[in-house]
Amino acid sequence: MKFLLIVLLGWSVGLWAENNSSKEDNATGVRQEKVQVDEKAIKEQIEREKKYAKEQKFYQGDEYDLDVHKVDPKTLEKIPTIEPEYDFDMTDVYSD
């Protein structure tokens, strides 16, 4: 009877240890999955930050030399002035 009790006790301890280790493995798997999801979210946020930084450089114009496209006021004086035509006679359009 004592032998059967010892065997039964050993068997139940073995099952308990196996069940406990599978819970730990499951918890570790969940933690690893969560860490992978967090790393993915961090990488996505870093990419968004890089895109934002690039756009800000464009919007602020720090990297661009816009003085190249400035017009010299002296060259504007050489352009002839075009006088507008004020003869908007449209009577021929409405004639039958």
PDB file of N, CA and C in Angstrom:
ATOM      1  N   MET A   1       0.818  -1.182   0.000  1.00  0.00           N
ATOM      2  CA  MET A   1       0.000   0.000   0.000  1.00  0.00           C
ATOM      3  C   MET A   1       0.865   1.250   0.000  1.00  0.00           C
ATOM      4  N   LYS A   2       1.958   1.238   0.782  1.00  0.00           N
ATOM      5  CA  LYS A   2       2.852   2.395   0.815  1.00  0.00           C
ATOM      6  C   LYS A   2       3.511   2.579  -0.562  1.00  0.00           C
ATOM      7  N   PHE A   3       3.838   1.469  -1.197  1.00  0.00           N
ATOM      8  CA  PHE A   3       4.466   1.536  -2.509  1.00  0.00           C
ATOM      9  C   PHE A   3       3.523   2.199  -3.519  1.00  0.00           C
ATOM     10  N   LEU A   4       2.254   1.822  -3.488  1.00  0.00           N
ATOM     11  CA  LEU A   4       1.257   2.393  -4.384  1.00  0.00           C
ATOM     12  C   LEU A   4       1.071   3.879  -4.105  1.00  0.00           C
ATOM     13  N   LEU A   5       1.083   4.267  -2.847  1.00  0.00           N
ATOM     14  CA  LEU A   5       0.949   5.673  -2.476  1.00  0.00           C
ATOM     15  C   LEU A   5       2.145   6.480  -2.971  1.00  0.00           C
ATOM     16  N   ILE A   6       3.350   5.914  -2.853  1.00  0.00           N
ATOM     17  CA  ILE A   6       4.560   6.604  -3.324  1.00  0.00           C
ATOM     18  C   ILE A   6       4.532   6.744  -4.846  1.00  0.00           C
ATOM     19  N   VAL A   7       4.111   5.698  -5.549  1.00  0.00           N
ATOM     20  CA  VAL A   7       4.032   5.749  -7.013  1.00  0.00           C
ATOM     21  C   VAL A   7       2.988   6.775  -7.442  1.00  0.00           C
ATOM     22  N   LEU A   8       1.840   6.770  -6.786  1.00  0.00           N
ATOM     23  CA  LEU A   8       0.774   7.718  -7.111  1.00  0.00           C
ATOM     24  C   LEU A   8       1.214   9.156  -6.819  1.00  0.00           C
ATOM     25  N   LEU A   9       1.906   9.348  -5.718  1.00  0.00           N
ATOM     26  CA  LEU A   9       2.419  10.664  -5.362  1.00  0.00           C
ATOM     27  C   LEU A   9       3.462  11.126  -6.387  1.00  0.00           C
ATOM     28  N   GLY A  10       4.353  10.247  -6.788  1.00  0.00           N
ATOM     29  CA  GLY A  10       5.372  10.579  -7.799  1.00  0.00           C
ATOM     30  C   GLY A  10       4.739  10.913  -9.145  1.00  0.00           C
ATOM     31  N   TRP A  11       3.732  10.142  -9.514  1.00  0.00           N
ATOM     32  CA  TRP A  11       3.055  10.369 -10.778  1.00  0.00           C
ATOM     33  C   TRP A  11       2.333  11.720 -10.780  1.00  0.00           C
ATOM     34  N   SER A  12       1.659  12.073  -9.680  1.00  0.00           N
ATOM     35  CA  SER A  12       0.938  13.348  -9.596  1.00  0.00           C
ATOM     36  C   SER A  12       1.916  14.528  -9.595  1.00  0.00           C
ATOM     37  N   VAL A  13       3.065  14.359  -8.929  1.00  0.00           N
ATOM     38  CA  VAL A  13       4.078  15.423  -8.949  1.00  0.00           C
ATOM     39  C   VAL A  13       4.616  15.595 -10.364  1.00  0.00           C
ATOM     40  N   GLY A  14       4.806  14.510 -11.084  1.00  0.00           N
ATOM     41  CA  GLY A  14       5.280  14.580 -12.474  1.00  0.00           C
ATOM     42  C   GLY A  14       4.284  15.307 -13.370  1.00  0.00           C
ATOM     43  N   LEU A  15       2.997  14.974 -13.211  1.00  0.00           N
ATOM     44  CA  LEU A  15       1.971  15.660 -13.997  1.00  0.00           C
ATOM     45  C   LEU A  15       1.905  17.140 -13.651  1.00  0.00           C
ATOM     46  N   TRP A  16       2.023  17.454 -12.379  1.00  0.00           N
ATOM     47  CA  TRP A  16       1.980  18.859 -11.959  1.00  0.00           C
ATOM     48  C   TRP A  16       3.158  19.634 -12.544  1.00  0.00           C
ATOM     49  N   ALA A  17       4.331  19.049 -12.527  1.00  0.00           N
ATOM     50  CA  ALA A  17       5.523  19.710 -13.071  1.00  0.00           C
ATOM     51  C   ALA A  17       5.382  19.904 -14.586  1.00  0.00           C
ATOM     52  N   GLU A  18       4.848  18.909 -15.268  1.00  0.00           N
ATOM     53  CA  GLU A  18       4.667  19.016 -16.719  1.00  0.00           C
ATOM     54  C   GLU A  18       3.654  20.107 -17.049  1.00  0.00           C
ATOM     55  N   ASN A  19       2.545  20.150 -16.298  1.00  0.00           N
ATOM     56  CA  ASN A  19       1.523  21.160 -16.503  1.00  0.00           C
ATOM     57  C   ASN A  19       2.080  22.554 -16.213  1.00  0.00           C
ATOM     58  N   ASN A  20       2.870  22.673 -15.168  1.00  0.00           N
ATOM     59  CA  ASN A  20       3.449  23.947 -14.775  1.00  0.00           C
ATOM     60  C   ASN A  20       4.434  24.442 -15.836  1.00  0.00           C
ATOM     61  N   SER A  21       5.243  23.535 -16.379  1.00  0.00           N
ATOM     62  CA  SER A  21       6.230  23.946 -17.377  1.00  0.00           C
ATOM     63  C   SER A  21       5.547  24.357 -18.671  1.00  0.00           C
ATOM     64  N   SER A  22       4.428  23.721 -19.028  1.00  0.00           N
ATOM     65  CA  SER A  22       3.723  24.112 -20.247  1.00  0.00           C
ATOM     66  C   SER A  22       3.098  25.496 -20.088  1.00  0.00           C
ATOM     67  N   LYS A  23       2.664  25.830 -18.879  1.00  0.00           N
ATOM     68  CA  LYS A  23       2.146  27.175 -18.633  1.00  0.00           C
ATOM     69  C   LYS A  23       3.255  28.205 -18.774  1.00  0.00           C
ATOM     70  N   GLU A  24       4.450  27.872 -18.267  1.00  0.00           N
ATOM     71  CA  GLU A  24       5.574  28.795 -18.386  1.00  0.00           C
ATOM     72  C   GLU A  24       5.962  28.976 -19.844  1.00  0.00           C
ATOM     73  N   ASP A  25       5.966  27.876 -20.607  1.00  0.00           N
ATOM     74  CA  ASP A  25       6.288  27.962 -22.024  1.00  0.00           C
ATOM     75  C   ASP A  25       5.255  28.830 -22.744  1.00  0.00           C
ATOM     76  N   ASN A  26       3.999  28.656 -22.384  1.00  0.00           N
ATOM     77  CA  ASN A  26       2.939  29.439 -23.001  1.00  0.00           C
ATOM     78  C   ASN A  26       3.104  30.911 -22.648  1.00  0.00           C
ATOM     79  N   ALA A  27       3.395  31.197 -21.400  1.00  0.00           N
ATOM     80  CA  ALA A  27       3.587  32.578 -20.974  1.00  0.00           C
ATOM     81  C   ALA A  27       4.812  33.169 -21.662  1.00  0.00           C
ATOM     82  N   THR A  28       5.871  32.409 -21.800  1.00  0.00           N
ATOM     83  CA  THR A  28       7.074  32.887 -22.473  1.00  0.00           C
ATOM     84  C   THR A  28       6.779  33.142 -23.943  1.00  0.00           C
ATOM     85  N   GLY A  29       6.011  32.263 -24.558  1.00  0.00           N
ATOM     86  CA  GLY A  29       5.625  32.454 -25.963  1.00  0.00           C
ATOM     87  C   GLY A  29       4.805  33.712 -26.145  1.00  0.00           C
ATOM     88  N   VAL A  30       3.899  33.961 -25.217  1.00  0.00           N
ATOM     89  CA  VAL A  30       3.081  35.167 -25.288  1.00  0.00           C
ATOM     90  C   VAL A  30       3.961  36.393 -25.104  1.00  0.00           C
ATOM     91  N   ARG A  31       4.908  36.319 -24.172  1.00  0.00           N
ATOM     92  CA  ARG A  31       5.816  37.447 -23.956  1.00  0.00           C
ATOM     93  C   ARG A  31       6.656  37.700 -25.193  1.00  0.00           C
ATOM     94  N   GLN A  32       7.164  36.643 -25.804  1.00  0.00           N
ATOM     95  CA  GLN A  32       7.987  36.808 -27.003  1.00  0.00           C
ATOM     96  C   GLN A  32       7.158  37.407 -28.139  1.00  0.00           C
ATOM     97  N   GLU A  33       5.911  36.943 -28.262  1.00  0.00           N
ATOM     98  CA  GLU A  33       5.037  37.485 -29.302  1.00  0.00           C
ATOM     99  C   GLU A  33       4.776  38.962 -29.057  1.00  0.00           C
ATOM    100  N   LYS A  34       4.559  39.314 -27.794  1.00  0.00           N
ATOM    101  CA  LYS A  34       4.304  40.705 -27.441  1.00  0.00           C
ATOM    102  C   LYS A  34       5.535  41.559 -27.718  1.00  0.00           C
ATOM    103  N   VAL A  35       6.706  41.026 -27.429  1.00  0.00           N
ATOM    104  CA  VAL A  35       7.951  41.747 -27.693  1.00  0.00           C
ATOM    105  C   VAL A  35       8.122  41.958 -29.187  1.00  0.00           C
ATOM    106  N   GLN A  36       7.789  40.939 -29.993  1.00  0.00           N
ATOM    107  CA  GLN A  36       7.897  41.070 -31.443  1.00  0.00           C
ATOM    108  C   GLN A  36       6.924  42.122 -31.960  1.00  0.00           C
ATOM    109  N   VAL A  37       5.722  42.159 -31.402  1.00  0.00           N
ATOM    110  CA  VAL A  37       4.737  43.156 -31.818  1.00  0.00           C
ATOM    111  C   VAL A  37       5.225  44.541 -31.430  1.00  0.00           C
ATOM    112  N   ASP A  38       5.782  44.674 -30.223  1.00  0.00           N
ATOM    113  CA  ASP A  38       6.303  45.963 -29.777  1.00  0.00           C
ATOM    114  C   ASP A  38       7.455  46.418 -30.666  1.00  0.00           C
ATOM    115  N   GLU A  39       8.355  45.506 -31.027  1.00  0.00           N
ATOM    116  CA  GLU A  39       9.478  45.856 -31.897  1.00  0.00           C
ATOM    117  C   GLU A  39       8.979  46.294 -33.267  1.00  0.00           C
ATOM    118  N   LYS A  40       7.938  45.634 -33.759  1.00  0.00           N
ATOM    119  CA  LYS A  40       7.369  46.001 -35.053  1.00  0.00           C
ATOM    120  C   LYS A  40       6.769  47.406 -34.975  1.00  0.00           C
ATOM    121  N   ALA A  41       6.055  47.693 -33.908  1.00  0.00           N
ATOM    122  CA  ALA A  41       5.461  49.018 -33.739  1.00  0.00           C
ATOM    123  C   ALA A  41       6.541  50.088 -33.625  1.00  0.00           C
ATOM    124  N   ILE A  42       7.626  49.762 -32.948  1.00  0.00           N
ATOM    125  CA  ILE A  42       8.728  50.715 -32.810  1.00  0.00           C
ATOM    126  C   ILE A  42       9.363  50.982 -34.166  1.00  0.00           C
ATOM    127  N   LYS A  43       9.594  49.946 -34.959  1.00  0.00           N
ATOM    128  CA  LYS A  43      10.177  50.125 -36.285  1.00  0.00           C
ATOM    129  C   LYS A  43       9.272  50.975 -37.169  1.00  0.00           C
ATOM    130  N   GLU A  44       7.958  50.742 -37.111  1.00  0.00           N
ATOM    131  CA  GLU A  44       7.023  51.535 -37.901  1.00  0.00           C
ATOM    132  C   GLU A  44       7.060  52.997 -37.474  1.00  0.00           C
ATOM    133  N   GLN A  45       7.138  53.235 -36.173  1.00  0.00           N
ATOM    134  CA  GLN A  45       7.184  54.614 -35.685  1.00  0.00           C
ATOM    135  C   GLN A  45       8.479  55.298 -36.106  1.00  0.00           C
ATOM    136  N   ILE A  46       9.587  54.570 -36.108  1.00  0.00           N
ATOM    137  CA  ILE A  46      10.863  55.135 -36.551  1.00  0.00           C
ATOM    138  C   ILE A  46      10.776  55.534 -38.018  1.00  0.00           C
ATOM    139  N   GLU A  47      10.143  54.689 -38.835  1.00  0.00           N
ATOM    140  CA  GLU A  47       9.983  55.016 -40.251  1.00  0.00           C
ATOM    141  C   GLU A  47       9.119  56.267 -40.427  1.00  0.00           C
ATOM    142  N   ARG A  48       8.058  56.385 -39.627  1.00  0.00           N
ATOM    143  CA  ARG A  48       7.215  57.585 -39.697  1.00  0.00           C
ATOM    144  C   ARG A  48       7.998  58.827 -39.303  1.00  0.00           C
ATOM    145  N   GLU A  49       8.850  58.697 -38.283  1.00  0.00           N
ATOM    146  CA  GLU A  49       9.670  59.827 -37.841  1.00  0.00           C
ATOM    147  C   GLU A  49      10.656  60.246 -38.923  1.00  0.00           C
ATOM    148  N   LYS A  50      11.255  59.256 -39.627  1.00  0.00           N
ATOM    149  CA  LYS A  50      12.182  59.576 -40.716  1.00  0.00           C
ATOM    150  C   LYS A  50      11.450  60.320 -41.828  1.00  0.00           C
ATOM    151  N   LYS A  51      10.253  59.860 -42.174  1.00  0.00           N
ATOM    152  CA  LYS A  51       9.458  60.514 -43.210  1.00  0.00           C
ATOM    153  C   LYS A  51       9.101  61.938 -42.781  1.00  0.00           C
ATOM    154  N   TYR A  52       8.721  62.106 -41.533  1.00  0.00           N
ATOM    155  CA  TYR A  52       8.373  63.428 -41.020  1.00  0.00           C
ATOM    156  C   TYR A  52       9.570  64.364 -41.068  1.00  0.00           C
ATOM    157  N   ALA A  53      10.748  63.853 -40.676  1.00  0.00           N
ATOM    158  CA  ALA A  53      11.958  64.676 -40.692  1.00  0.00           C
ATOM    159  C   ALA A  53      12.297  65.109 -42.118  1.00  0.00           C
ATOM    160  N   LYS A  54      12.142  64.205 -43.068  1.00  0.00           N
ATOM    161  CA  LYS A  54      12.417  64.529 -44.468  1.00  0.00           C
ATOM    162  C   LYS A  54      11.434  65.585 -44.976  1.00  0.00           C
ATOM    163  N   GLU A  55      10.164  65.442 -44.636  1.00  0.00           N
ATOM    164  CA  GLU A  55       9.173  66.423 -45.058  1.00  0.00           C
ATOM    165  C   GLU A  55       9.433  67.787 -44.429  1.00  0.00           C
ATOM    166  N   GLN A  56       9.849  67.803 -43.183  1.00  0.00           N
ATOM    167  CA  GLN A  56      10.129  69.068 -42.524  1.00  0.00           C
ATOM    168  C   GLN A  56      11.301  69.787 -43.175  1.00  0.00           C
ATOM    169  N   LYS A  57      12.308  69.034 -43.615  1.00  0.00           N
ATOM    170  CA  LYS A  57      13.427  69.659 -44.323  1.00  0.00           C
ATOM    171  C   LYS A  57      12.921  70.334 -45.590  1.00  0.00           C
ATOM    172  N   PHE A  58      11.988  69.683 -46.272  1.00  0.00           N
ATOM    173  CA  PHE A  58      11.434  70.267 -47.493  1.00  0.00           C
ATOM    174  C   PHE A  58      10.611  71.513 -47.171  1.00  0.00           C
ATOM    175  N   TYR A  59       9.729  71.422 -46.170  1.00  0.00           N
ATOM    176  CA  TYR A  59       8.843  72.536 -45.859  1.00  0.00           C
ATOM    177  C   TYR A  59       9.618  73.745 -45.344  1.00  0.00           C
ATOM    178  N   GLN A  60      10.682  73.511 -44.595  1.00  0.00           N
ATOM    179  CA  GLN A  60      11.460  74.618 -44.064  1.00  0.00           C
ATOM    180  C   GLN A  60      12.420  75.184 -45.112  1.00  0.00           C
ATOM    181  N   GLY A  61      12.754  74.408 -46.115  1.00  0.00           N
ATOM    182  CA  GLY A  61      13.601  74.879 -47.198  1.00  0.00           C
ATOM    183  C   GLY A  61      15.044  75.086 -46.815  1.00  0.00           C
ATOM    184  N   ASP A  62      15.505  74.447 -45.761  1.00  0.00           N
ATOM    185  CA  ASP A  62      16.885  74.625 -45.322  1.00  0.00           C
ATOM    186  C   ASP A  62      17.891  74.075 -46.324  1.00  0.00           C
ATOM    187  N   GLU A  63      17.545  73.033 -47.029  1.00  0.00           N
ATOM    188  CA  GLU A  63      18.485  72.385 -47.939  1.00  0.00           C
ATOM    189  C   GLU A  63      18.440  72.965 -49.349  1.00  0.00           C
ATOM    190  N   TYR A  64      17.548  73.887 -49.607  1.00  0.00           N
ATOM    191  CA  TYR A  64      17.355  74.368 -50.962  1.00  0.00           C
ATOM    192  C   TYR A  64      17.844  75.800 -51.099  1.00  0.00           C
ATOM    193  N   ASP A  65      18.503  76.093 -52.221  1.00  0.00           N
ATOM    194  CA  ASP A  65      18.963  77.437 -52.517  1.00  0.00           C
ATOM    195  C   ASP A  65      17.927  78.089 -53.420  1.00  0.00           C
ATOM    196  N   LEU A  66      17.013  78.833 -52.834  1.00  0.00           N
ATOM    197  CA  LEU A  66      15.940  79.451 -53.593  1.00  0.00           C
ATOM    198  C   LEU A  66      16.348  80.792 -54.177  1.00  0.00           C
ATOM    199  N   ASP A  67      17.530  81.292 -53.819  1.00  0.00           N
ATOM    200  CA  ASP A  67      18.006  82.559 -54.371  1.00  0.00           C
ATOM    201  C   ASP A  67      18.299  82.448 -55.862  1.00  0.00           C
ATOM    202  N   VAL A  68      18.513  81.264 -56.365  1.00  0.00           N
ATOM    203  CA  VAL A  68      18.776  81.052 -57.780  1.00  0.00           C
ATOM    204  C   VAL A  68      17.576  81.492 -58.627  1.00  0.00           C
ATOM    205  N   HIS A  69      16.386  81.356 -58.084  1.00  0.00           N
ATOM    206  CA  HIS A  69      15.165  81.643 -58.830  1.00  0.00           C
ATOM    207  C   HIS A  69      14.634  83.057 -58.606  1.00  0.00           C
ATOM    208  N   LYS A  70      15.370  83.878 -57.902  1.00  0.00           N
ATOM    209  CA  LYS A  70      14.927  85.261 -57.706  1.00  0.00           C
ATOM    210  C   LYS A  70      15.109  86.049 -58.996  1.00  0.00           C
ATOM    211  N   VAL A  71      14.205  86.987 -59.218  1.00  0.00           N
ATOM    212  CA  VAL A  71      14.243  87.814 -60.422  1.00  0.00           C
ATOM    213  C   VAL A  71      14.888  89.147 -60.075  1.00  0.00           C
ATOM    214  N   ASP A  72      15.798  89.570 -60.928  1.00  0.00           N
ATOM    215  CA  ASP A  72      16.457  90.861 -60.739  1.00  0.00           C
ATOM    216  C   ASP A  72      15.495  91.964 -61.158  1.00  0.00           C
ATOM    217  N   PRO A  73      15.208  92.920 -60.298  1.00  0.00           N
ATOM    218  CA  PRO A  73      14.259  93.996 -60.652  1.00  0.00           C
ATOM    219  C   PRO A  73      14.707  94.823 -61.856  1.00  0.00           C
ATOM    220  N   LYS A  74      15.986  94.886 -62.115  1.00  0.00           N
ATOM    221  CA  LYS A  74      16.479  95.673 -63.259  1.00  0.00           C
ATOM    222  C   LYS A  74      16.063  95.028 -64.581  1.00  0.00           C
ATOM    223  N   THR A  75      15.965  93.694 -64.610  1.00  0.00           N
ATOM    224  CA  THR A  75      15.545  93.036 -65.843  1.00  0.00           C
ATOM    225  C   THR A  75      14.058  93.244 -66.099  1.00  0.00           C
ATOM    226  N   LEU A  76      13.282  93.497 -65.066  1.00  0.00           N
ATOM    227  CA  LEU A  76      11.843  93.741 -65.243  1.00  0.00           C
ATOM    228  C   LEU A  76      11.582  95.067 -65.946  1.00  0.00           C
ATOM    229  N   GLU A  77      12.490  96.026 -65.808  1.00  0.00           N
ATOM    230  CA  GLU A  77      12.319  97.325 -66.463  1.00  0.00           C
ATOM    231  C   GLU A  77      12.434  97.203 -67.980  1.00  0.00           C
ATOM    232  N   LYS A  78      13.143  96.217 -68.462  1.00  0.00           N
ATOM    233  CA  LYS A  78      13.353  96.034 -69.901  1.00  0.00           C
ATOM    234  C   LYS A  78      12.163  95.383 -70.595  1.00  0.00           C
ATOM    235  N   ILE A  79      11.266  94.812 -69.853  1.00  0.00           N
ATOM    236  CA  ILE A  79      10.106  94.141 -70.437  1.00  0.00           C
ATOM    237  C   ILE A  79       9.082  95.202 -70.821  1.00  0.00           C
ATOM    238  N   PRO A  80       8.625  95.195 -72.070  1.00  0.00           N
ATOM    239  CA  PRO A  80       7.650  96.224 -72.477  1.00  0.00           C
ATOM    240  C   PRO A  80       6.289  95.981 -71.828  1.00  0.00           C
ATOM    241  N   THR A  81       5.620  97.076 -71.527  1.00  0.00           N
ATOM    242  CA  THR A  81       4.306  97.004 -70.915  1.00  0.00           C
ATOM    243  C   THR A  81       3.266  96.750 -71.994  1.00  0.00           C
ATOM    244  N   ILE A  82       2.416  95.817 -71.791  1.00  0.00           N
ATOM    245  CA  ILE A  82       1.349  95.502 -72.740  1.00  0.00           C
ATOM    246  C   ILE A  82       0.101  96.221 -72.269  1.00  0.00           C
ATOM    247  N   GLU A  83      -0.384  97.116 -73.118  1.00  0.00           N
ATOM    248  CA  GLU A  83      -1.579  97.869 -72.768  1.00  0.00           C
ATOM    249  C   GLU A  83      -2.807  97.001 -73.023  1.00  0.00           C
ATOM    250  N   PRO A  84      -3.743  97.015 -72.107  1.00  0.00           N
ATOM    251  CA  PRO A  84      -4.950  96.207 -72.299  1.00  0.00           C
ATOM    252  C   PRO A  84      -5.862  96.828 -73.353  1.00  0.00           C
ATOM    253  N   GLU A  85      -6.605  96.001 -74.008  1.00  0.00           N
ATOM    254  CA  GLU A  85      -7.573  96.462 -74.999  1.00  0.00           C
ATOM    255  C   GLU A  85      -8.930  96.567 -74.311  1.00  0.00           C
ATOM    256  N   TYR A  86      -9.458  97.779 -74.320  1.00  0.00           N
ATOM    257  CA  TYR A  86     -10.723  98.005 -73.635  1.00  0.00           C
ATOM    258  C   TYR A  86     -11.901  98.018 -74.602  1.00  0.00           C
ATOM    259  N   ASP A  87     -11.762  97.472 -75.765  1.00  0.00           N
ATOM    260  CA  ASP A  87     -12.875  97.485 -76.710  1.00  0.00           C
ATOM    261  C   ASP A  87     -13.620  96.151 -76.646  1.00  0.00           C
ATOM    262  N   PHE A  88     -14.467  96.058 -75.701  1.00  0.00           N
ATOM    263  CA  PHE A  88     -15.251  94.841 -75.529  1.00  0.00           C
ATOM    264  C   PHE A  88     -16.602  94.994 -76.220  1.00  0.00           C
ATOM    265  N   ASP A  89     -16.538  95.255 -77.472  1.00  0.00           N
ATOM    266  CA  ASP A  89     -17.769  95.422 -78.234  1.00  0.00           C
ATOM    267  C   ASP A  89     -18.268  94.044 -78.636  1.00  0.00           C
ATOM    268  N   MET A  90     -19.347  93.621 -78.020  1.00  0.00           N
ATOM    269  CA  MET A  90     -19.882  92.294 -78.286  1.00  0.00           C
ATOM    270  C   MET A  90     -21.234  92.349 -78.993  1.00  0.00           C
ATOM    271  N   THR A  91     -21.490  93.428 -79.656  1.00  0.00           N
ATOM    272  CA  THR A  91     -22.792  93.547 -80.330  1.00  0.00           C
ATOM    273  C   THR A  91     -22.930  92.548 -81.459  1.00  0.00           C
ATOM    274  N   ASP A  92     -21.855  92.218 -82.136  1.00  0.00           N
ATOM    275  CA  ASP A  92     -21.927  91.265 -83.237  1.00  0.00           C
ATOM    276  C   ASP A  92     -22.226  89.851 -82.747  1.00  0.00           C
ATOM    277  N   VAL A  93     -21.946  89.577 -81.475  1.00  0.00           N
ATOM    278  CA  VAL A  93     -22.229  88.253 -80.935  1.00  0.00           C
ATOM    279  C   VAL A  93     -23.721  88.059 -80.753  1.00  0.00           C
ATOM    280  N   TYR A  94     -24.423  89.150 -80.392  1.00  0.00           N
ATOM    281  CA  TYR A  94     -25.846  89.026 -80.107  1.00  0.00           C
ATOM    282  C   TYR A  94     -26.732  89.362 -81.301  1.00  0.00           C
ATOM    283  N   SER A  95     -26.160  89.664 -82.410  1.00  0.00           N
ATOM    284  CA  SER A  95     -26.983  90.006 -83.578  1.00  0.00           C
ATOM    285  C   SER A  95     -27.573  88.728 -84.190  1.00  0.00           C
ATOM    286  N   ASP A  96     -28.772  88.848 -84.702  1.00  0.00           N
ATOM    287  CA  ASP A  96     -29.458  87.692 -85.290  1.00  0.00           C
ATOM    288  C   ASP A  96     -29.032  87.400 -86.656  1.00  0.00           C
TER     289      ASP A  96
END
